[in-house]
């Protein structure tokens, strides 16, 4: 989904109360994928720049703190994930949304198998 990676994935990133990994793509993309608690998922809904994604998971939304970052949070049952995507300005909003939704679907699917 990110194309060729510049380096191996590594622990790190920001997911508030959970564990996360960082992926750096050859394109100007950096993604942090993390598992968060459902309490944090609910708390983050207070951001004023929230956009709900109706057709994804039990509930999902996007927060865009600036023009380079997209924060995607999704919950399915008792599992929740936060995906933070930082991309260059030439990466369109549609492409950003596609990337975070695909990564969110994959992450939630893997968590459901645990």
N, C-alpha and C. Protein backbone atom coordinates (compact mmCIF):
# COMPACT_ATOMS: atom_id res chain seq x y z
N UNK A 1 0.80 -1.19 0.00
CA UNK A 1 0.00 0.00 0.00
C UNK A 1 0.85 1.27 0.00
N UNK A 2 2.04 1.16 0.56
CA UNK A 2 2.95 2.31 0.59
C UNK A 2 4.00 2.23 -0.50
N UNK A 3 4.01 1.15 -1.24
CA UNK A 3 5.05 0.97 -2.23
C UNK A 3 6.33 0.51 -1.56
N UNK A 4 7.44 0.76 -2.21
CA UNK A 4 8.74 0.37 -1.68
C UNK A 4 9.04 1.16 -0.42
N UNK A 5 9.55 0.47 0.60
CA UNK A 5 9.93 1.13 1.85
C UNK A 5 11.39 1.56 1.78
N UNK A 6 11.69 2.70 2.37
CA UNK A 6 13.07 3.18 2.44
C UNK A 6 13.89 2.42 3.47
N UNK A 7 13.21 1.90 4.48
CA UNK A 7 13.89 1.19 5.57
C UNK A 7 12.92 0.19 6.17
N UNK A 8 13.43 -0.67 7.02
CA UNK A 8 12.59 -1.66 7.70
C UNK A 8 11.63 -0.96 8.65
N UNK A 9 10.40 -1.48 8.82
CA UNK A 9 9.49 -0.93 9.82
C UNK A 9 10.15 -1.00 11.19
N UNK A 10 9.82 -0.03 12.05
CA UNK A 10 10.41 -0.01 13.38
C UNK A 10 9.38 0.46 14.39
N UNK A 11 9.57 0.07 15.64
CA UNK A 11 8.67 0.57 16.69
C UNK A 11 8.76 2.08 16.77
N UNK A 12 7.66 2.70 17.09
CA UNK A 12 7.66 4.14 17.26
C UNK A 12 6.40 4.77 16.72
N UNK A 13 6.36 6.06 16.74
CA UNK A 13 5.17 6.78 16.31
C UNK A 13 4.37 7.21 17.52
N UNK A 14 3.22 7.72 17.27
CA UNK A 14 2.37 8.22 18.34
C UNK A 14 0.99 7.63 18.25
N UNK A 15 0.59 6.90 19.26
CA UNK A 15 -0.77 6.36 19.29
C UNK A 15 -1.42 6.58 20.65
N UNK A 16 -0.92 7.51 21.39
CA UNK A 16 -1.47 7.92 22.68
C UNK A 16 -1.28 6.86 23.76
N UNK A 17 -2.04 5.79 23.75
CA UNK A 17 -1.93 4.82 24.85
C UNK A 17 -1.59 3.41 24.38
N UNK A 18 -1.11 3.25 23.15
CA UNK A 18 -0.86 1.92 22.63
C UNK A 18 0.50 1.80 21.99
N UNK A 19 0.74 0.64 21.40
CA UNK A 19 1.99 0.37 20.71
C UNK A 19 1.82 0.69 19.23
N UNK A 20 2.92 1.15 18.60
CA UNK A 20 2.84 1.47 17.18
C UNK A 20 4.15 1.18 16.47
N UNK A 21 4.05 1.11 15.14
CA UNK A 21 5.21 0.93 14.27
C UNK A 21 5.20 2.02 13.22
N UNK A 22 6.40 2.39 12.76
CA UNK A 22 6.55 3.43 11.74
C UNK A 22 7.07 2.79 10.46
N UNK A 23 6.47 3.22 9.35
CA UNK A 23 6.86 2.78 8.02
C UNK A 23 7.21 4.02 7.21
N UNK A 24 8.36 4.02 6.54
CA UNK A 24 8.78 5.15 5.71
C UNK A 24 8.83 4.66 4.28
N UNK A 25 7.97 5.22 3.44
CA UNK A 25 7.89 4.82 2.05
C UNK A 25 8.89 5.56 1.17
N UNK A 26 9.20 4.98 0.02
CA UNK A 26 10.10 5.61 -0.94
C UNK A 26 9.46 6.89 -1.49
N UNK A 27 8.15 6.84 -1.69
CA UNK A 27 7.42 8.07 -2.02
C UNK A 27 7.47 8.92 -0.75
N UNK A 28 7.13 10.17 -0.83
CA UNK A 28 7.20 10.99 0.38
C UNK A 28 6.04 10.67 1.33
N UNK A 29 6.10 9.46 1.95
CA UNK A 29 5.06 9.01 2.87
C UNK A 29 5.68 8.44 4.14
N UNK A 30 5.13 8.81 5.28
CA UNK A 30 5.49 8.20 6.56
C UNK A 30 4.20 7.82 7.24
N UNK A 31 4.12 6.56 7.69
CA UNK A 31 2.90 6.06 8.33
C UNK A 31 3.24 5.46 9.68
N UNK A 32 2.44 5.80 10.66
CA UNK A 32 2.51 5.18 11.98
C UNK A 32 1.20 4.41 12.16
N UNK A 33 1.31 3.12 12.44
CA UNK A 33 0.13 2.27 12.65
C UNK A 33 0.18 1.78 14.08
N UNK A 34 -0.89 2.03 14.82
CA UNK A 34 -0.88 1.63 16.22
C UNK A 34 -2.21 1.11 16.71
N UNK A 35 -2.12 0.32 17.75
CA UNK A 35 -3.30 -0.19 18.44
C UNK A 35 -3.58 0.76 19.60
N UNK A 36 -4.83 1.20 19.74
CA UNK A 36 -5.21 2.09 20.82
C UNK A 36 -6.39 1.49 21.58
N UNK A 37 -6.65 2.03 22.74
CA UNK A 37 -7.82 1.58 23.50
C UNK A 37 -9.08 2.20 22.90
N UNK A 38 -10.22 1.56 23.15
CA UNK A 38 -11.47 2.14 22.68
C UNK A 38 -11.78 3.42 23.44
N UNK A 39 -11.25 3.59 24.65
CA UNK A 39 -11.45 4.83 25.40
C UNK A 39 -10.77 6.00 24.69
N UNK A 40 -9.56 5.79 24.19
CA UNK A 40 -8.87 6.84 23.43
C UNK A 40 -9.61 7.10 22.13
N UNK A 41 -10.08 6.05 21.49
CA UNK A 41 -10.86 6.21 20.27
C UNK A 41 -12.03 7.16 20.51
N UNK A 42 -12.76 6.94 21.59
CA UNK A 42 -13.91 7.78 21.93
C UNK A 42 -13.46 9.20 22.29
N UNK A 43 -12.39 9.33 23.05
CA UNK A 43 -11.92 10.65 23.49
C UNK A 43 -11.49 11.53 22.32
N UNK A 44 -10.89 10.94 21.31
CA UNK A 44 -10.41 11.71 20.17
C UNK A 44 -11.54 12.28 19.31
N UNK A 45 -12.76 11.81 19.54
CA UNK A 45 -13.91 12.34 18.79
C UNK A 45 -14.20 13.80 19.12
N UNK A 46 -13.58 14.32 20.16
CA UNK A 46 -13.84 15.70 20.56
C UNK A 46 -13.12 16.71 19.67
N UNK A 47 -12.24 16.26 18.78
CA UNK A 47 -11.53 17.18 17.90
C UNK A 47 -12.53 17.89 16.98
N UNK A 48 -12.39 19.20 16.80
CA UNK A 48 -13.36 19.93 15.96
C UNK A 48 -13.23 19.66 14.46
N UNK A 49 -12.11 19.12 14.00
CA UNK A 49 -11.90 18.87 12.57
C UNK A 49 -12.14 17.41 12.19
N UNK A 50 -13.17 16.80 12.72
CA UNK A 50 -13.41 15.37 12.51
C UNK A 50 -14.34 15.16 11.30
N UNK A 51 -14.03 14.11 10.53
CA UNK A 51 -14.87 13.69 9.42
C UNK A 51 -15.15 12.20 9.60
N UNK A 52 -16.42 11.83 9.73
CA UNK A 52 -16.77 10.42 9.90
C UNK A 52 -16.76 9.68 8.58
N UNK A 53 -16.31 8.44 8.62
CA UNK A 53 -16.29 7.55 7.46
C UNK A 53 -17.36 6.49 7.72
N UNK A 54 -18.53 6.65 7.13
CA UNK A 54 -19.68 5.81 7.45
C UNK A 54 -19.54 4.35 7.04
N UNK A 55 -18.92 4.08 5.92
CA UNK A 55 -18.90 2.72 5.37
C UNK A 55 -17.74 1.86 5.88
N UNK A 56 -17.06 2.29 6.93
CA UNK A 56 -15.87 1.56 7.38
C UNK A 56 -16.03 1.11 8.83
N UNK A 57 -15.76 -0.17 9.10
CA UNK A 57 -15.71 -0.72 10.45
C UNK A 57 -17.00 -0.42 11.21
N UNK A 58 -16.96 -0.56 12.54
CA UNK A 58 -18.10 -0.18 13.36
C UNK A 58 -18.22 1.34 13.37
N UNK A 59 -17.06 1.97 13.44
CA UNK A 59 -17.01 3.42 13.42
C UNK A 59 -15.60 3.85 13.03
N UNK A 60 -15.51 4.89 12.23
CA UNK A 60 -14.20 5.40 11.81
C UNK A 60 -14.33 6.88 11.52
N UNK A 61 -13.21 7.57 11.73
CA UNK A 61 -13.19 8.99 11.43
C UNK A 61 -11.77 9.44 11.13
N UNK A 62 -11.69 10.61 10.52
CA UNK A 62 -10.42 11.22 10.14
C UNK A 62 -10.32 12.57 10.81
N UNK A 63 -9.12 12.88 11.27
CA UNK A 63 -8.79 14.20 11.79
C UNK A 63 -7.62 14.70 10.95
N UNK A 64 -7.72 15.92 10.44
CA UNK A 64 -6.64 16.51 9.64
C UNK A 64 -6.10 17.73 10.37
N UNK A 65 -5.05 17.54 11.16
CA UNK A 65 -4.52 18.69 11.91
C UNK A 65 -3.82 19.74 11.06
N UNK A 66 -3.36 19.35 9.85
CA UNK A 66 -2.70 20.29 8.94
C UNK A 66 -2.73 19.71 7.53
N UNK A 67 -2.13 20.37 6.58
CA UNK A 67 -2.22 19.93 5.18
C UNK A 67 -1.35 18.73 4.84
N UNK A 68 -0.45 18.34 5.73
CA UNK A 68 0.44 17.20 5.45
C UNK A 68 0.01 15.92 6.17
N UNK A 69 -0.73 16.04 7.27
CA UNK A 69 -1.06 14.89 8.11
C UNK A 69 -2.52 14.49 8.00
N UNK A 70 -2.74 13.18 8.04
CA UNK A 70 -4.09 12.61 8.11
C UNK A 70 -4.07 11.60 9.24
N UNK A 71 -4.92 11.78 10.22
CA UNK A 71 -5.04 10.84 11.34
C UNK A 71 -6.35 10.08 11.18
N UNK A 72 -6.25 8.77 11.04
CA UNK A 72 -7.40 7.90 10.81
C UNK A 72 -7.57 7.02 12.03
N UNK A 73 -8.75 7.01 12.62
CA UNK A 73 -9.05 6.18 13.78
C UNK A 73 -10.24 5.30 13.44
N UNK A 74 -10.14 4.02 13.75
CA UNK A 74 -11.22 3.08 13.43
C UNK A 74 -11.38 2.09 14.57
N UNK A 75 -12.64 1.68 14.76
CA UNK A 75 -12.95 0.71 15.81
C UNK A 75 -13.86 -0.36 15.23
N UNK A 76 -13.55 -1.59 15.59
CA UNK A 76 -14.41 -2.73 15.25
C UNK A 76 -14.48 -3.58 16.50
N UNK A 77 -15.65 -3.64 17.11
CA UNK A 77 -15.80 -4.39 18.36
C UNK A 77 -14.93 -3.77 19.44
N UNK A 78 -14.12 -4.61 20.07
CA UNK A 78 -13.26 -4.13 21.16
C UNK A 78 -11.87 -3.71 20.69
N UNK A 79 -11.64 -3.69 19.38
CA UNK A 79 -10.34 -3.31 18.83
C UNK A 79 -10.41 -1.94 18.18
N UNK A 80 -9.36 -1.15 18.39
CA UNK A 80 -9.28 0.18 17.78
C UNK A 80 -7.86 0.43 17.30
N UNK A 81 -7.74 1.14 16.20
CA UNK A 81 -6.44 1.48 15.64
C UNK A 81 -6.39 2.97 15.32
N UNK A 82 -5.16 3.49 15.32
CA UNK A 82 -4.90 4.85 14.88
C UNK A 82 -3.81 4.78 13.82
N UNK A 83 -4.08 5.38 12.69
CA UNK A 83 -3.10 5.42 11.60
C UNK A 83 -2.82 6.88 11.30
N UNK A 84 -1.56 7.25 11.43
CA UNK A 84 -1.14 8.63 11.14
C UNK A 84 -0.32 8.60 9.86
N UNK A 85 -0.78 9.33 8.88
CA UNK A 85 -0.12 9.41 7.59
C UNK A 85 0.39 10.83 7.38
N UNK A 86 1.66 10.95 7.09
CA UNK A 86 2.25 12.23 6.69
C UNK A 86 2.71 12.07 5.26
N UNK A 87 2.24 12.96 4.39
CA UNK A 87 2.55 12.85 2.97
C UNK A 87 2.85 14.21 2.38
N UNK A 88 3.61 14.21 1.31
CA UNK A 88 3.92 15.45 0.60
C UNK A 88 2.65 16.03 0.00
N UNK A 89 2.67 17.29 -0.29
CA UNK A 89 1.50 17.99 -0.80
C UNK A 89 0.99 17.43 -2.12
N UNK A 90 1.86 16.76 -2.89
CA UNK A 90 1.42 16.23 -4.19
C UNK A 90 0.61 14.94 -4.07
N UNK A 91 0.50 14.38 -2.88
CA UNK A 91 -0.32 13.18 -2.66
C UNK A 91 -1.74 13.66 -2.39
N UNK A 92 -2.68 13.31 -3.25
CA UNK A 92 -4.05 13.82 -3.16
C UNK A 92 -4.79 13.28 -1.94
N UNK A 93 -5.85 13.96 -1.56
CA UNK A 93 -6.69 13.53 -0.44
C UNK A 93 -7.29 12.15 -0.71
N UNK A 94 -7.70 11.89 -1.95
CA UNK A 94 -8.27 10.58 -2.28
C UNK A 94 -7.26 9.47 -2.07
N UNK A 95 -6.02 9.70 -2.47
CA UNK A 95 -4.97 8.70 -2.28
C UNK A 95 -4.68 8.51 -0.80
N UNK A 96 -4.62 9.60 -0.05
CA UNK A 96 -4.39 9.51 1.40
C UNK A 96 -5.49 8.69 2.07
N UNK A 97 -6.73 9.00 1.72
CA UNK A 97 -7.86 8.28 2.31
C UNK A 97 -7.80 6.80 1.96
N UNK A 98 -7.50 6.49 0.71
CA UNK A 98 -7.39 5.09 0.30
C UNK A 98 -6.32 4.36 1.10
N UNK A 99 -5.17 4.97 1.28
CA UNK A 99 -4.08 4.34 2.02
C UNK A 99 -4.49 4.06 3.46
N UNK A 100 -5.03 5.07 4.16
CA UNK A 100 -5.35 4.86 5.58
C UNK A 100 -6.50 3.88 5.76
N UNK A 101 -7.47 3.88 4.85
CA UNK A 101 -8.56 2.91 4.96
C UNK A 101 -8.06 1.49 4.73
N UNK A 102 -7.21 1.30 3.74
CA UNK A 102 -6.67 -0.04 3.47
C UNK A 102 -5.82 -0.53 4.64
N UNK A 103 -4.98 0.33 5.17
CA UNK A 103 -4.16 -0.06 6.32
C UNK A 103 -5.03 -0.33 7.54
N UNK A 104 -6.06 0.47 7.75
CA UNK A 104 -6.98 0.25 8.86
C UNK A 104 -7.71 -1.07 8.75
N UNK A 105 -8.17 -1.40 7.56
CA UNK A 105 -8.86 -2.67 7.33
C UNK A 105 -7.94 -3.85 7.62
N UNK A 106 -6.71 -3.76 7.15
CA UNK A 106 -5.73 -4.82 7.38
C UNK A 106 -5.42 -4.97 8.87
N UNK A 107 -5.20 -3.85 9.55
CA UNK A 107 -4.86 -3.89 10.98
C UNK A 107 -6.01 -4.46 11.80
N UNK A 108 -7.24 -4.00 11.54
CA UNK A 108 -8.39 -4.51 12.30
C UNK A 108 -8.63 -5.99 12.01
N UNK A 109 -8.41 -6.38 10.76
CA UNK A 109 -8.55 -7.79 10.41
C UNK A 109 -7.55 -8.68 11.16
N UNK A 110 -6.33 -8.21 11.28
CA UNK A 110 -5.32 -8.99 12.03
C UNK A 110 -5.64 -9.03 13.51
N UNK A 111 -6.12 -7.92 14.07
CA UNK A 111 -6.48 -7.91 15.49
C UNK A 111 -7.63 -8.87 15.79
N UNK A 112 -8.57 -8.96 14.88
CA UNK A 112 -9.73 -9.86 15.08
C UNK A 112 -9.31 -11.32 15.12
N UNK A 113 -8.18 -11.66 14.51
CA UNK A 113 -7.70 -13.04 14.50
C UNK A 113 -6.93 -13.42 15.76
N UNK A 114 -6.59 -12.43 16.59
CA UNK A 114 -5.82 -12.72 17.81
C UNK A 114 -6.67 -13.39 18.86
